[in-house]
Amino acid sequence: MNSLCSRHSRSLPTLWGRPSPHPEERGRLPSEAQAAQPRGRAAPEPAPAAGGGSGSGSGSGSSPAARRRLPPGPRPLRGTPGSGGGPAGRNEVQSWTTAVNQSLHMVWQKIKRQLILVMSFLLAALWYCRRLYAYLAQLLKWWSRYLQRKFKKNLSVLAEVDLLGYCAREWKGETKQAKQMKAAYEELFWKHHIKYIRQVRRDNYCALRAVLFQVFSQGIYFPSWMKERDILKLPEKLLYSQGCNWIQQYSFGPERYTGANVFGKLRKCMETLKTQWTEISGVKDHDERGNMCNILFSDENKEYKLYEAIKFIMLYQVVEAYEQMKNEQKRVPVLFSLLFARDTSSDPLSFMMNHLNSIGDTGGLEQVEMFLLGYLLEVNIRVYRLYKFNTEEFQVNYPEEYHRDWQEVSLLTEDDHHYHIPIIRI
């Protein structure tokens, strides 16, 4: 029986082509199983079961095939029960990973909405800031262009330009008049040392603007007679002291008739003239005065008040001279004799109605008014009349009788209607 079992055990195939491991070696690690076997020796055969053998009562009756060394069993794989990398460890790692993933998923679910809202808000804010920046840039660009157009439109006295360059732009033809103008400009450049020119707006205030701009920019003070009188009281003085009720028909340039409001408007004009003249003439620095003049002569409202105040002072001077001539109180300048010699200005009323009211509206200053303007401002107005080139009237002074201590302002004209400001550089 024992030999039969041995025979059958040799004939049975092993599992997966390998002999089954010994029962005691199944729970061991591969290293432990190898360490349990003595080196160089075959593994001991298992003892036969009690009473299981026939024909032999001891282990010496076993067959030689049973006593031979059994092949070592297969090494246990990682993850098998009893090892550190077995299913228990793997399950522990998997459970820990699953817990972390679940925690991260829960956290993500909680912050996902807030994160989406924050990102949406940031994108909306970025888009809004970009649109706002583009809008502000467009608004700033439009506003700068508007101010530039408005400043250029209102600036009544432009910056200095080269005299000969201005002549080349204005007189390009080869006509007789163009040749005469070119020769006159070259005469001013080489002989009179006029290198630059400031263009003045071409309207019926042109002469007043060119003269008054130079008076302010040069820092010329009030005339001596103005220092002795308060110019703010001149309208009331003409009305109440000299009985000039007709001054209610005084016109402010394009405004033909103002009626009872004339005194209030005249007083505002006189206040503007006195304030601006006092402020600008008190500045010592030439460049600062120039900047103040540029600002003043860019404001149409203030600018026209200055001109109307000067016009009214001209009327006041005519009324004073007329009373002196009528009463023969003292000698008056020759210019008043010329003024009253005209049929259209034989008295102050006709002078106002026929000449003064049209200044700034339909006409400008004539030569007699230029004499009067220089006289009341106590300045010598030197005018270069280009269309009178090569004649004695090419250069004239208004008035002809002027004092040596008077300041001088210069004008340049091509037709005695429109005037520009020449700049003399030696």
Protein backbone atom coordinates (compact mmCIF):
# COMPACT_ATOMS: atom_id res chain seq x y z
CA MET A 1 0.00 0.00 0.00
CA ASN A 2 2.81 2.27 0.89
CA SER A 3 4.63 1.53 -2.28
CA LEU A 4 1.40 2.02 -4.16
CA CYS A 5 0.94 5.48 -2.63
CA SER A 6 4.48 6.35 -3.50
CA ARG A 7 3.94 5.21 -7.04
CA HIS A 8 0.79 7.22 -7.34
CA SER A 9 2.41 10.28 -5.83
CA ARG A 10 5.12 10.14 -8.45
CA SER A 11 2.61 9.78 -11.22
CA LEU A 12 0.30 12.73 -10.16
CA PRO A 13 1.07 16.03 -11.91
CA THR A 14 1.98 19.05 -9.82
CA LEU A 15 -0.21 22.16 -9.69
CA TRP A 16 0.65 24.62 -12.55
CA GLY A 17 3.58 22.34 -13.46
CA ARG A 18 5.23 22.75 -10.08
CA PRO A 19 5.07 20.55 -6.91
CA SER A 20 2.83 21.77 -4.15
CA PRO A 21 4.61 23.44 -1.29
CA HIS A 22 4.98 21.77 2.01
CA PRO A 23 2.17 22.67 4.46
CA GLU A 24 4.63 24.15 6.87
CA GLU A 25 6.22 26.33 4.20
CA ARG A 26 3.00 27.96 3.00
CA GLY A 27 2.98 30.62 5.69
CA ARG A 28 6.60 31.48 5.39
CA LEU A 29 8.25 34.13 3.39
CA PRO A 30 10.58 32.94 0.66
CA SER A 31 13.58 33.94 2.70
CA GLU A 32 12.33 32.05 5.76
CA ALA A 33 11.64 28.89 3.76
CA GLN A 34 15.10 28.85 2.32
CA ALA A 35 16.67 29.57 5.72
CA ALA A 36 14.82 26.59 7.26
CA GLN A 37 16.50 24.12 4.94
CA PRO A 38 20.13 23.13 5.67
CA ARG A 39 22.52 24.11 2.92
CA GLY A 40 23.77 21.18 0.82
CA ARG A 41 21.13 18.81 2.12
CA ALA A 42 17.85 17.55 0.87
CA ALA A 43 14.76 18.47 2.73
CA PRO A 44 13.64 15.71 5.17
CA GLU A 45 10.84 13.57 4.03
CA PRO A 46 7.62 13.73 5.94
CA ALA A 47 7.02 10.90 8.41
CA PRO A 48 4.53 8.31 7.29
CA ALA A 49 1.20 8.22 8.94
CA ALA A 50 0.81 5.82 11.85
CA GLY A 51 -0.34 2.42 10.82
CA GLY A 52 -0.29 3.48 7.27
CA GLY A 53 2.53 1.26 5.98
CA SER A 54 2.28 -2.49 5.11
CA GLY A 55 5.20 -4.84 5.23
CA SER A 56 7.37 -2.45 7.22
CA GLY A 57 7.15 -1.18 10.82
CA SER A 58 9.73 1.67 10.56
CA GLY A 59 10.74 4.52 8.35
CA SER A 60 13.53 2.46 6.92
CA GLY A 61 10.97 0.67 4.79
CA SER A 62 10.20 3.75 2.68
CA SER A 63 11.06 3.67 -1.02
CA PRO A 64 14.12 5.50 -2.23
CA ALA A 65 11.92 7.76 -4.42
CA ALA A 66 10.01 8.92 -1.35
CA ARG A 67 13.22 9.69 0.46
CA ARG A 68 14.63 11.90 -2.25
CA ARG A 69 14.63 15.70 -1.81
CA LEU A 70 11.40 17.39 -2.67
CA PRO A 71 11.66 20.48 -4.87
CA PRO A 72 11.25 23.76 -3.06
CA GLY A 73 7.78 25.21 -3.05
CA PRO A 74 6.85 28.40 -4.93
CA ARG A 75 7.75 31.70 -3.35
CA PRO A 76 4.76 33.51 -1.96
CA LEU A 77 3.80 36.56 -3.97
CA ARG A 78 3.43 40.01 -2.48
CA GLY A 79 -0.04 40.61 -1.37
CA THR A 80 -0.58 37.13 -0.09
CA PRO A 81 -1.90 36.74 3.44
CA GLY A 82 0.71 37.24 6.06
CA SER A 83 2.99 39.57 4.04
CA GLY A 84 3.43 43.38 4.45
CA GLY A 85 2.38 44.03 0.83
CA GLY A 86 -0.62 41.75 0.96
CA PRO A 87 -4.31 42.57 0.42
CA ALA A 88 -4.60 44.12 3.86
CA GLY A 89 -1.85 46.69 3.14
CA ARG A 90 -3.15 47.33 -0.35
CA ASN A 91 -6.66 47.80 0.97
CA GLU A 92 -5.33 50.19 3.57
CA VAL A 93 -3.56 52.27 0.89
CA GLN A 94 -6.62 52.19 -1.32
CA SER A 95 -8.87 53.25 1.52
CA TRP A 96 -6.51 56.12 2.40
CA THR A 97 -6.35 57.25 -1.25
CA THR A 98 -10.11 57.01 -1.53
CA ALA A 99 -10.56 59.10 1.62
CA VAL A 100 -8.17 61.76 0.29
CA ASN A 101 -9.91 61.80 -3.08
CA GLN A 102 -13.29 62.08 -1.42
CA SER A 103 -12.05 64.93 0.79
CA LEU A 104 -10.62 66.76 -2.19
CA HIS A 105 -13.81 66.20 -4.12
CA MET A 106 -15.88 67.59 -1.26
CA VAL A 107 -13.61 70.59 -0.94
CA TRP A 108 -13.75 71.17 -4.69
CA GLN A 109 -17.54 70.94 -4.68
CA LYS A 110 -17.65 73.54 -1.92
CA ILE A 111 -15.23 76.03 -3.48
CA LYS A 112 -16.16 75.43 -7.10
CA ARG A 113 -19.05 77.87 -7.09
CA GLN A 114 -17.10 80.51 -5.19
CA LEU A 115 -14.14 80.07 -7.51
CA ILE A 116 -16.35 80.36 -10.57
CA LEU A 117 -17.96 83.49 -9.14
CA VAL A 118 -14.56 85.01 -8.34
CA MET A 119 -13.22 84.24 -11.80
CA SER A 120 -16.38 85.61 -13.40
CA PHE A 121 -16.08 88.76 -11.30
CA LEU A 122 -12.41 89.19 -12.23
CA LEU A 123 -13.16 88.72 -15.92
CA ALA A 124 -16.07 91.16 -15.72
CA ALA A 125 -13.90 93.67 -13.83
CA LEU A 126 -11.12 93.29 -16.40
CA TRP A 127 -13.56 93.76 -19.25
CA TYR A 128 -15.12 96.77 -17.52
CA CYS A 129 -11.74 98.35 -16.79
CA ARG A 130 -10.71 97.84 -20.37
CA ARG A 131 -13.88 99.45 -21.67
CA LEU A 132 -13.55 102.24 -19.13
CA TYR A 133 -9.94 102.86 -20.15
CA ALA A 134 -10.91 102.96 -23.82
CA TYR A 135 -13.79 105.32 -23.05
CA LEU A 136 -11.62 107.65 -20.96
CA ALA A 137 -8.92 107.66 -23.60
CA GLN A 138 -11.48 108.53 -26.27
CA LEU A 139 -13.01 111.20 -24.05
CA LEU A 140 -9.61 112.73 -23.30
CA LYS A 141 -8.73 112.71 -26.98
CA TRP A 142 -12.02 114.36 -27.90
CA TRP A 143 -11.68 116.94 -25.13
CA SER A 144 -8.12 117.84 -26.13
CA ARG A 145 -9.21 118.29 -29.73
CA TYR A 146 -12.14 120.40 -28.62
CA LEU A 147 -9.94 122.62 -26.48
CA GLN A 148 -7.41 122.88 -29.27
CA ARG A 149 -10.07 123.89 -31.78
CA LYS A 150 -11.63 126.29 -29.32
CA PHE A 151 -8.28 127.80 -28.39
CA LYS A 152 -7.28 128.20 -32.03
CA LYS A 153 -10.67 129.65 -32.86
CA ASN A 154 -10.66 132.17 -30.03
CA LEU A 155 -6.98 133.08 -30.11
CA SER A 156 -7.11 136.51 -31.70
CA VAL A 157 -3.33 137.11 -31.77
CA LEU A 158 -1.31 134.19 -33.11
CA ALA A 159 2.26 133.24 -32.26
CA GLU A 160 5.28 134.68 -34.04
CA VAL A 161 6.08 133.46 -37.57
CA ASP A 162 8.91 134.28 -39.93
CA LEU A 163 8.20 137.48 -41.86
CA LEU A 164 9.55 136.38 -45.26
CA GLY A 165 7.93 132.95 -44.87
CA TYR A 166 4.58 134.63 -44.24
CA CYS A 167 5.10 136.82 -47.31
CA ALA A 168 5.92 133.78 -49.47
CA ARG A 169 2.69 132.07 -48.39
CA GLU A 170 0.47 135.13 -48.85
CA TRP A 171 1.90 136.48 -52.13
CA LYS A 172 2.75 133.65 -54.53
CA GLY A 173 1.81 135.28 -57.81
CA GLU A 174 3.83 137.44 -60.19
CA THR A 175 1.36 140.29 -60.48
CA LYS A 176 2.38 143.89 -59.98
CA GLN A 177 0.78 144.02 -56.54
CA ALA A 178 2.45 140.75 -55.46
CA LYS A 179 5.86 142.03 -56.55
CA GLN A 180 5.28 145.29 -54.67
CA MET A 181 4.31 143.41 -51.49
CA LYS A 182 7.34 141.13 -51.72
CA ALA A 183 9.62 144.15 -52.14
CA ALA A 184 7.95 145.86 -49.15
CA TYR A 185 8.39 142.82 -46.92
CA GLU A 186 12.05 142.52 -47.92
CA GLU A 187 12.47 146.22 -47.07
CA LEU A 188 11.05 145.59 -43.60
CA PHE A 189 13.28 142.55 -43.09
CA TRP A 190 16.60 144.06 -44.17
CA LYS A 191 16.25 147.76 -43.40
CA HIS A 192 13.84 147.94 -40.46
CA HIS A 193 15.03 144.69 -38.82
CA ILE A 194 11.51 143.22 -38.64
CA LYS A 195 12.14 139.47 -38.55
CA TYR A 196 8.81 138.10 -37.32
CA ILE A 197 5.13 138.90 -37.45
CA ARG A 198 2.13 138.08 -35.25
CA GLN A 199 -1.09 137.71 -37.18
CA VAL A 200 -4.17 139.42 -35.76
CA ARG A 201 -7.72 138.26 -36.34
CA ARG A 202 -9.28 139.99 -39.31
CA ASP A 203 -12.40 141.68 -38.01
CA ASN A 204 -13.54 145.23 -37.35
CA TYR A 205 -11.82 145.25 -33.94
CA CYS A 206 -8.50 144.50 -35.63
CA ALA A 207 -6.74 147.86 -35.04
CA LEU A 208 -7.94 148.10 -31.43
CA ARG A 209 -6.82 144.52 -30.78
CA ALA A 210 -3.33 145.01 -32.26
CA VAL A 211 -2.69 148.22 -30.31
CA LEU A 212 -4.13 147.10 -26.98
CA PHE A 213 -2.32 143.75 -27.12
CA GLN A 214 1.02 145.54 -27.41
CA VAL A 215 0.14 148.02 -24.67
CA PHE A 216 -0.54 145.12 -22.31
CA SER A 217 2.34 142.88 -23.43
CA GLN A 218 4.87 145.73 -23.08
CA GLY A 219 3.61 146.55 -19.60
CA ILE A 220 2.71 150.16 -20.47
CA TYR A 221 1.00 151.89 -17.53
CA PHE A 222 -2.15 153.99 -17.52
CA PRO A 223 -1.92 157.35 -19.28
CA SER A 224 -1.26 160.32 -17.02
CA TRP A 225 -4.76 161.72 -17.41
CA MET A 226 -6.32 158.38 -16.41
CA LYS A 227 -4.33 158.36 -13.18
CA GLU A 228 -6.01 161.62 -12.18
CA ARG A 229 -9.55 160.40 -12.84
CA ASP A 230 -11.58 157.35 -12.06
CA ILE A 231 -12.54 155.90 -15.44
CA LEU A 232 -15.35 153.92 -13.80
CA LYS A 233 -17.28 157.16 -13.28
CA LEU A 234 -16.96 158.45 -16.85
CA PRO A 235 -20.42 157.23 -18.03
CA GLU A 236 -22.22 158.97 -15.12
CA LYS A 237 -20.10 162.09 -15.61
CA LEU A 238 -21.15 162.44 -19.25
CA LEU A 239 -24.78 161.89 -18.38
CA TYR A 240 -25.19 164.02 -15.28
CA SER A 241 -22.41 166.64 -15.48
CA GLN A 242 -22.50 167.36 -19.18
CA GLY A 243 -26.08 166.32 -19.94
CA CYS A 244 -25.32 163.85 -22.71
CA ASN A 245 -28.58 161.92 -22.64
CA TRP A 246 -27.91 160.68 -26.17
CA ILE A 247 -25.27 158.21 -24.91
CA GLN A 248 -28.15 155.82 -24.33
CA GLN A 249 -27.91 155.21 -28.08
CA TYR A 250 -24.40 153.86 -27.71
CA SER A 251 -23.95 150.52 -29.52
CA PHE A 252 -21.69 147.70 -28.37
CA GLY A 253 -20.36 146.45 -31.67
CA PRO A 254 -22.99 144.14 -33.21
CA GLU A 255 -25.46 145.19 -30.48
CA ARG A 256 -27.11 148.14 -32.14
CA TYR A 257 -29.15 149.54 -29.25
CA THR A 258 -29.22 148.81 -25.53
CA GLY A 259 -31.39 151.63 -24.14
CA ALA A 260 -31.48 151.98 -20.36
CA ASN A 261 -28.99 149.12 -19.91
CA VAL A 262 -26.17 151.08 -21.52
CA PHE A 263 -24.79 152.45 -18.25
CA GLY A 264 -24.60 149.06 -16.57
CA LYS A 265 -22.88 147.52 -19.60
CA LEU A 266 -20.48 150.45 -19.91
CA ARG A 267 -19.54 150.21 -16.26
CA LYS A 268 -18.76 146.49 -16.61
CA CYS A 269 -16.59 147.25 -19.63
CA MET A 270 -14.71 149.95 -17.76
CA GLU A 271 -14.21 147.66 -14.76
CA THR A 272 -12.78 144.92 -16.99
CA LEU A 273 -10.37 147.35 -18.65
CA LYS A 274 -9.15 148.81 -15.37
CA THR A 275 -8.75 145.41 -13.68
CA GLN A 276 -6.92 143.70 -16.53
CA TRP A 277 -4.70 146.69 -17.26
CA THR A 278 -3.71 147.06 -13.60
CA GLU A 279 -3.02 143.36 -13.18
CA ILE A 280 -0.96 142.85 -16.33
CA SER A 281 1.03 146.09 -16.11
CA GLY A 282 2.05 145.16 -12.56
CA VAL A 283 3.86 142.01 -13.75
CA LYS A 284 7.58 142.62 -14.26
CA ASP A 285 8.49 139.42 -16.10
CA HIS A 286 8.04 139.79 -19.86
CA ASP A 287 7.27 136.11 -20.52
CA GLU A 288 4.68 135.99 -17.77
CA ARG A 289 2.99 139.11 -19.16
CA GLY A 290 2.96 137.47 -22.58
CA ASN A 291 1.22 134.39 -21.21
CA MET A 292 -1.35 136.54 -19.43
CA CYS A 293 -2.03 138.43 -22.65
CA ASN A 294 -2.46 135.19 -24.59
CA ILE A 295 -5.04 134.04 -22.06
CA LEU A 296 -6.84 137.38 -22.02
CA PHE A 297 -7.02 137.68 -25.79
CA SER A 298 -8.41 134.17 -26.06
CA ASP A 299 -11.51 135.11 -24.04
CA GLU A 300 -13.96 136.80 -26.41
CA ASN A 301 -16.18 138.08 -23.63
CA LYS A 302 -13.40 139.95 -21.82
CA GLU A 303 -11.69 140.93 -25.02
CA TYR A 304 -14.73 142.72 -26.47
CA LYS A 305 -15.34 144.52 -23.19
CA LEU A 306 -11.84 145.97 -23.46
CA TYR A 307 -12.54 147.31 -26.94
CA GLU A 308 -15.89 148.81 -25.99
CA ALA A 309 -14.29 150.51 -22.98
CA ILE A 310 -11.62 152.05 -25.25
CA LYS A 311 -14.32 153.18 -27.67
CA PHE A 312 -16.22 154.91 -24.88
CA ILE A 313 -13.03 156.61 -23.64
CA MET A 314 -12.55 157.88 -27.19
CA LEU A 315 -16.08 159.33 -27.01
CA TYR A 316 -15.32 160.91 -23.68
CA GLN A 317 -12.19 162.56 -25.11
CA VAL A 318 -14.21 163.92 -28.06
CA VAL A 319 -16.84 165.37 -25.72
CA GLU A 320 -14.14 167.01 -23.58
CA ALA A 321 -12.37 168.49 -26.60
CA TYR A 322 -15.65 169.71 -28.09
CA GLU A 323 -16.53 171.55 -24.86
CA GLN A 324 -13.09 173.13 -24.70
CA MET A 325 -13.25 174.28 -28.31
CA LYS A 326 -16.74 175.70 -27.83
CA ASN A 327 -15.80 177.58 -24.68
CA GLU A 328 -12.31 178.40 -25.94
CA GLN A 329 -10.88 177.32 -22.64
CA LYS A 330 -7.55 176.02 -23.98
CA ARG A 331 -5.89 174.85 -27.14
CA VAL A 332 -6.79 171.35 -28.27
CA PRO A 333 -4.65 169.05 -30.44
CA VAL A 334 -4.95 169.33 -34.21
CA LEU A 335 -6.48 165.91 -34.50
CA PHE A 336 -9.76 167.16 -32.99
CA SER A 337 -9.93 169.94 -35.56
CA LEU A 338 -9.58 167.31 -38.28
CA LEU A 339 -12.21 165.16 -36.64
CA PHE A 340 -14.82 167.92 -36.31
CA ALA A 341 -14.04 169.14 -39.84
CA ARG A 342 -15.77 166.06 -41.28
CA ASP A 343 -19.42 166.46 -42.11
CA THR A 344 -20.16 163.09 -40.54
CA SER A 345 -18.58 164.00 -37.16
CA SER A 346 -19.19 167.72 -36.65
CA ASP A 347 -20.17 167.10 -32.99
CA PRO A 348 -19.86 164.27 -30.46
CA LEU A 349 -23.34 162.88 -31.21
CA SER A 350 -22.72 162.59 -34.95
CA PHE A 351 -19.28 161.14 -34.26
CA MET A 352 -20.82 158.44 -32.09
CA MET A 353 -23.70 157.64 -34.43
CA ASN A 354 -21.78 157.70 -37.71
CA HIS A 355 -18.36 156.37 -36.73
CA LEU A 356 -17.98 155.05 -33.22
CA ASN A 357 -21.01 152.75 -33.18
CA SER A 358 -19.89 151.05 -36.39
CA ILE A 359 -16.48 150.07 -34.99
CA GLY A 360 -16.57 146.34 -34.34
CA ASP A 361 -19.76 145.97 -36.39
CA THR A 362 -19.54 147.24 -39.95
CA GLY A 363 -16.29 149.19 -39.93
CA GLY A 364 -12.96 149.71 -38.24
CA LEU A 365 -10.81 152.65 -37.25
CA GLU A 366 -10.11 155.30 -39.82
CA GLN A 367 -6.98 157.42 -39.79
CA VAL A 368 -8.56 160.13 -37.64
CA GLU A 369 -9.65 157.52 -35.08
CA MET A 370 -6.09 156.13 -35.13
CA PHE A 371 -4.81 159.59 -34.19
CA LEU A 372 -7.38 159.72 -31.39
CA LEU A 373 -6.46 156.25 -30.15
CA GLY A 374 -2.77 157.10 -29.85
CA TYR A 375 -3.60 160.37 -28.11
CA LEU A 376 -5.82 158.91 -25.39
CA LEU A 377 -3.45 155.98 -24.69
CA GLU A 378 -0.41 158.30 -24.84
CA VAL A 379 1.50 155.97 -27.15
CA ASN A 380 3.08 156.51 -30.54
CA ILE A 381 1.47 154.11 -33.01
CA ARG A 382 3.94 153.50 -35.84
CA VAL A 383 2.29 151.90 -38.86
CA TYR A 384 4.05 150.33 -41.86
CA ARG A 385 1.66 150.68 -44.79
CA LEU A 386 2.89 148.17 -47.35
CA TYR A 387 0.63 149.28 -50.18
CA LYS A 388 2.29 152.70 -49.89
CA PHE A 389 5.75 151.26 -50.52
CA ASN A 390 8.25 153.68 -52.09
CA THR A 391 6.19 156.69 -50.99
CA GLU A 392 6.38 159.11 -48.07
CA GLU A 393 3.34 157.45 -46.50
CA PHE A 394 4.99 154.04 -46.26
CA GLN A 395 5.73 154.71 -42.58
CA VAL A 396 3.43 156.97 -40.52
CA ASN A 397 2.93 157.83 -36.85
CA TYR A 398 -0.38 158.23 -35.02
CA PRO A 399 -0.64 160.90 -33.71
CA GLU A 400 1.88 163.07 -35.51
CA GLU A 401 2.27 165.27 -32.44
CA TYR A 402 3.49 162.88 -29.80
CA HIS A 403 5.71 163.34 -26.80
CA ARG A 404 9.16 161.85 -26.67
CA ASP A 405 8.48 160.00 -23.43
CA TRP A 406 5.54 158.11 -24.90
CA GLN A 407 5.96 154.40 -25.50
CA GLU A 408 5.80 153.09 -29.06
CA VAL A 409 3.79 150.26 -30.60
CA SER A 410 4.10 149.08 -34.20
CA LEU A 411 1.51 147.90 -36.70
CA LEU A 412 1.77 146.45 -40.19
CA THR A 413 -1.02 146.75 -42.74
CA GLU A 414 -1.53 145.96 -46.38
CA ASP A 415 -4.76 147.90 -46.88
CA ASP A 416 -5.41 150.17 -43.84
CA HIS A 417 -8.20 147.85 -42.74
CA HIS A 418 -6.48 144.82 -41.28
CA TYR A 419 -3.42 145.08 -39.08
CA HIS A 420 -0.74 142.72 -37.83
CA ILE A 421 1.98 143.09 -35.21
CA PRO A 422 5.59 143.26 -36.49
CA ILE A 423 8.36 142.01 -34.19
CA ILE A 424 11.63 143.92 -34.42
CA ARG A 425 14.82 141.94 -33.74
CA ILE A 426 18.22 143.55 -34.16
